[in-house]
Amino acid sequence: MKHSANRRIVSSKTFVVMLALVLALGCAVGGTIAWLTKTTGTVTNTFTYGNIDITLTENTGDTYKIIPGQNIDKDPKVTVVGGSEACWLFVKVEEKDWPTFTDGSNRKVSYAIDTANWTLVPGETNVYYHEVDAATALAGTTFNVLKDNKVFVSDTLTKGEIENLTNPTLSFTAYAIQKEGTGDAAAAWAKIGA
């Protein structure tokens, strides 16, 4: 029995030594083998943001006198500032206590929207839009709101009618929203929620 136990110890020692030699030989041979490798350059993505910048200006003032037969200079303008993104541009026109006197089918105190620049938003009565493409937005441009930059006053307006006016007002508000992903003008206006 003693002999067989000794033999197992020798066999175990021999096995461990052989294993150590195989591992050492494997590491030596493996260390001398050249592997084919390649690393690419780094691709860095930088994200910036777009912007839409607009202004609404008027050079003719904000207080006017209504005089029969005398048109009133009124020049509200909406500007898409250069460097902006393609957008839907809107202008909302609001009347308060605006004169409704007519001489036949025409209002005696009236204005018209500059239809060369603006189109009525479908389903709205006082909101107009202009589709501004990328090149125009990038360069920046200005759009007149009123036709001929005037409020027209009929010469048939009477003193009695004028005396019944309670300080009428005409207000303009401009809005813009990115064109990309907003749909048509009506859908874009709905997204503004004004």
Protein backbone atom coordinates (compact mmCIF):
# COMPACT_ATOMS: atom_id res chain seq x y z
CA MET A 1 0.00 0.00 0.00
CA LYS A 2 2.73 2.32 0.79
CA HIS A 3 4.23 1.75 -2.62
CA SER A 4 0.99 2.54 -4.44
CA ALA A 5 0.54 5.77 -2.40
CA ASN A 6 4.07 6.76 -3.31
CA ARG A 7 3.35 6.08 -6.91
CA ARG A 8 0.33 8.32 -6.84
CA ILE A 9 2.40 11.12 -5.34
CA VAL A 10 5.02 10.71 -8.06
CA SER A 11 2.36 10.55 -10.73
CA SER A 12 0.72 13.65 -9.34
CA LYS A 13 4.03 15.47 -9.15
CA THR A 14 4.91 14.37 -12.65
CA PHE A 15 1.51 15.52 -13.90
CA VAL A 16 1.91 18.95 -12.30
CA VAL A 17 5.43 19.37 -13.72
CA MET A 18 4.27 18.30 -17.18
CA LEU A 19 1.32 20.64 -17.02
CA ALA A 20 3.58 23.52 -15.99
CA LEU A 21 5.93 22.76 -18.92
CA VAL A 22 3.04 22.62 -21.39
CA LEU A 23 1.69 25.93 -20.12
CA ALA A 24 5.13 27.58 -20.22
CA LEU A 25 5.72 26.25 -23.75
CA GLY A 26 2.25 27.45 -24.83
CA CYS A 27 2.91 30.94 -23.49
CA ALA A 28 6.31 31.11 -25.16
CA VAL A 29 4.97 29.96 -28.53
CA GLY A 30 1.79 32.09 -28.23
CA GLY A 31 3.83 35.19 -27.39
CA THR A 32 5.83 34.89 -30.61
CA ILE A 33 2.78 34.58 -32.91
CA ALA A 34 1.84 37.91 -34.58
CA TRP A 35 -1.92 38.61 -34.75
CA LEU A 36 -3.36 40.72 -37.56
CA THR A 37 -5.13 43.71 -36.03
CA LYS A 38 -6.54 47.06 -37.20
CA THR A 39 -8.07 50.04 -35.39
CA THR A 40 -10.12 52.73 -37.18
CA GLY A 41 -9.92 56.44 -36.62
CA THR A 42 -12.53 58.06 -34.35
CA VAL A 43 -15.67 59.55 -35.88
CA THR A 44 -16.97 62.42 -33.74
CA ASN A 45 -20.50 63.72 -34.26
CA THR A 46 -21.26 67.25 -33.10
CA PHE A 47 -24.90 68.25 -32.63
CA THR A 48 -25.96 71.87 -32.80
CA TYR A 49 -29.46 73.30 -32.83
CA GLY A 50 -31.50 75.19 -35.36
CA ASN A 51 -33.11 78.51 -34.65
CA ILE A 52 -35.89 80.70 -35.95
CA ASP A 53 -35.76 84.38 -35.19
CA ILE A 54 -38.43 86.85 -36.31
CA THR A 55 -39.26 90.48 -35.68
CA LEU A 56 -42.39 92.55 -36.16
CA THR A 57 -41.79 96.24 -36.79
CA GLU A 58 -43.72 99.27 -37.87
CA ASN A 59 -42.22 102.65 -38.79
CA THR A 60 -45.39 104.71 -39.10
CA GLY A 61 -46.19 104.91 -35.40
CA ASP A 62 -49.04 103.54 -33.36
CA THR A 63 -51.57 106.39 -33.13
CA TYR A 64 -53.52 107.56 -36.18
CA LYS A 65 -56.33 110.01 -37.03
CA ILE A 66 -59.18 108.90 -39.25
CA ILE A 67 -59.98 111.71 -41.68
CA PRO A 68 -62.48 111.20 -44.55
CA GLY A 69 -60.72 110.65 -47.88
CA GLN A 70 -57.23 110.50 -46.32
CA ASN A 71 -55.52 107.11 -46.48
CA ILE A 72 -53.35 106.29 -43.49
CA ASP A 73 -49.78 105.07 -43.89
CA LYS A 74 -49.41 101.88 -41.84
CA ASP A 75 -46.50 99.54 -42.51
CA PRO A 76 -46.32 96.49 -40.26
CA LYS A 77 -43.56 94.18 -41.48
CA VAL A 78 -42.51 90.72 -40.36
CA THR A 79 -38.84 89.85 -40.79
CA VAL A 80 -37.31 86.41 -40.72
CA VAL A 81 -33.84 87.16 -39.37
CA GLY A 82 -30.93 85.74 -41.39
CA GLY A 83 -29.60 82.42 -40.15
CA SER A 84 -33.06 81.06 -39.37
CA GLU A 85 -34.39 77.67 -40.41
CA ALA A 86 -37.09 77.05 -43.01
CA CYS A 87 -40.37 77.91 -41.32
CA TRP A 88 -44.05 78.64 -41.49
CA LEU A 89 -44.48 82.35 -40.81
CA PHE A 90 -47.84 83.60 -39.52
CA VAL A 91 -49.39 86.96 -38.84
CA LYS A 92 -52.59 87.34 -36.84
CA VAL A 93 -54.62 90.50 -37.45
CA GLU A 94 -57.08 91.55 -34.75
CA GLU A 95 -59.61 94.36 -34.90
CA LYS A 96 -61.18 95.93 -31.83
CA ASP A 97 -64.08 98.36 -32.24
CA TRP A 98 -63.13 98.57 -35.90
CA PRO A 99 -65.50 100.73 -38.00
CA THR A 100 -68.06 98.74 -39.98
CA PHE A 101 -69.55 101.66 -41.92
CA THR A 102 -70.02 100.78 -45.58
CA ASP A 103 -70.80 102.62 -48.77
CA GLY A 104 -72.45 99.80 -50.67
CA SER A 105 -70.29 96.70 -50.43
CA ASN A 106 -67.08 98.41 -49.28
CA ARG A 107 -66.11 99.34 -45.77
CA LYS A 108 -65.45 103.04 -45.35
CA VAL A 109 -62.36 102.35 -43.21
CA SER A 110 -60.55 99.31 -44.54
CA TYR A 111 -57.28 97.58 -45.13
CA ALA A 112 -56.22 94.63 -47.23
CA ILE A 113 -53.64 91.96 -46.56
CA ASP A 114 -50.71 91.91 -48.99
CA THR A 115 -51.67 88.71 -50.85
CA ALA A 116 -48.32 88.69 -52.65
CA ASN A 117 -46.83 87.70 -49.28
CA TRP A 118 -49.67 86.16 -47.27
CA THR A 119 -52.35 83.50 -47.67
CA LEU A 120 -55.28 82.96 -45.31
CA VAL A 121 -54.80 79.86 -43.15
CA PRO A 122 -57.56 77.36 -44.03
CA GLY A 123 -60.29 77.46 -41.40
CA GLU A 124 -59.19 80.83 -39.99
CA THR A 125 -60.60 84.32 -40.58
CA ASN A 126 -57.74 86.53 -39.42
CA VAL A 127 -54.54 84.45 -39.55
CA TYR A 128 -52.31 84.49 -42.62
CA TYR A 129 -49.22 82.47 -43.48
CA HIS A 130 -46.11 82.56 -45.63
CA GLU A 131 -44.02 79.46 -46.32
CA VAL A 132 -40.37 80.43 -45.90
CA ASP A 133 -37.90 78.10 -47.60
CA ALA A 134 -34.42 77.34 -46.26
CA ALA A 135 -32.53 79.72 -48.58
CA THR A 136 -34.86 82.65 -47.80
CA ALA A 137 -34.70 81.95 -44.06
CA LEU A 138 -30.92 81.66 -44.12
CA ALA A 139 -30.55 84.94 -45.99
CA GLY A 140 -33.29 86.69 -44.00
CA THR A 141 -36.13 88.65 -45.57
CA THR A 142 -38.96 91.04 -44.73
CA PHE A 143 -42.65 90.69 -45.65
CA ASN A 144 -45.11 93.59 -45.69
CA VAL A 145 -48.40 92.73 -44.00
CA LEU A 146 -50.77 95.30 -45.52
CA LYS A 147 -51.37 95.91 -49.20
CA ASP A 148 -49.70 99.20 -50.18
CA ASN A 149 -48.86 99.74 -46.48
CA LYS A 150 -52.09 101.65 -46.01
CA VAL A 151 -55.42 101.81 -44.24
CA PHE A 152 -57.93 103.16 -46.73
CA VAL A 153 -60.47 105.79 -45.65
CA SER A 154 -63.40 106.55 -47.91
CA ASP A 155 -64.28 110.13 -48.75
CA THR A 156 -67.91 109.21 -48.01
CA LEU A 157 -67.14 108.75 -44.32
CA THR A 158 -69.13 111.37 -42.40
CA LYS A 159 -68.38 113.36 -39.27
CA GLY A 160 -71.33 111.68 -37.55
CA GLU A 161 -69.85 108.24 -38.26
CA ILE A 162 -66.42 109.31 -37.01
CA GLU A 163 -67.91 110.72 -33.80
CA ASN A 164 -69.46 107.31 -33.06
CA LEU A 165 -66.06 105.56 -33.12
CA THR A 166 -64.65 104.43 -29.77
CA ASN A 167 -60.91 104.39 -30.48
CA PRO A 168 -60.72 101.44 -32.87
CA THR A 169 -57.52 99.37 -32.85
CA LEU A 170 -55.82 97.13 -35.34
CA SER A 171 -53.28 94.73 -33.85
CA PHE A 172 -50.72 92.44 -35.47
CA THR A 173 -48.89 89.49 -33.93
CA ALA A 174 -46.28 87.41 -35.76
CA TYR A 175 -45.45 83.75 -35.12
CA ALA A 176 -43.06 81.25 -36.66
CA ILE A 177 -42.61 77.51 -36.37
CA GLN A 178 -40.12 75.20 -38.02
CA LYS A 179 -41.27 73.86 -41.36
CA GLU A 180 -39.71 70.43 -41.02
CA GLY A 181 -42.06 67.89 -39.48
CA THR A 182 -44.98 70.26 -38.91
CA GLY A 183 -47.17 69.40 -41.90
CA ASP A 184 -49.07 71.99 -43.90
CA ALA A 185 -49.89 75.57 -42.86
CA ALA A 186 -53.10 74.64 -41.00
CA ALA A 187 -51.36 71.85 -39.05
CA ALA A 188 -48.40 74.13 -38.25
CA TRP A 189 -50.77 76.87 -37.00
CA ALA A 190 -52.55 74.33 -34.80
CA LYS A 191 -49.16 73.40 -33.26
CA ILE A 192 -48.56 77.04 -32.32
CA GLY A 193 -51.79 77.04 -30.37
CA ALA A 194 -52.30 80.81 -30.38
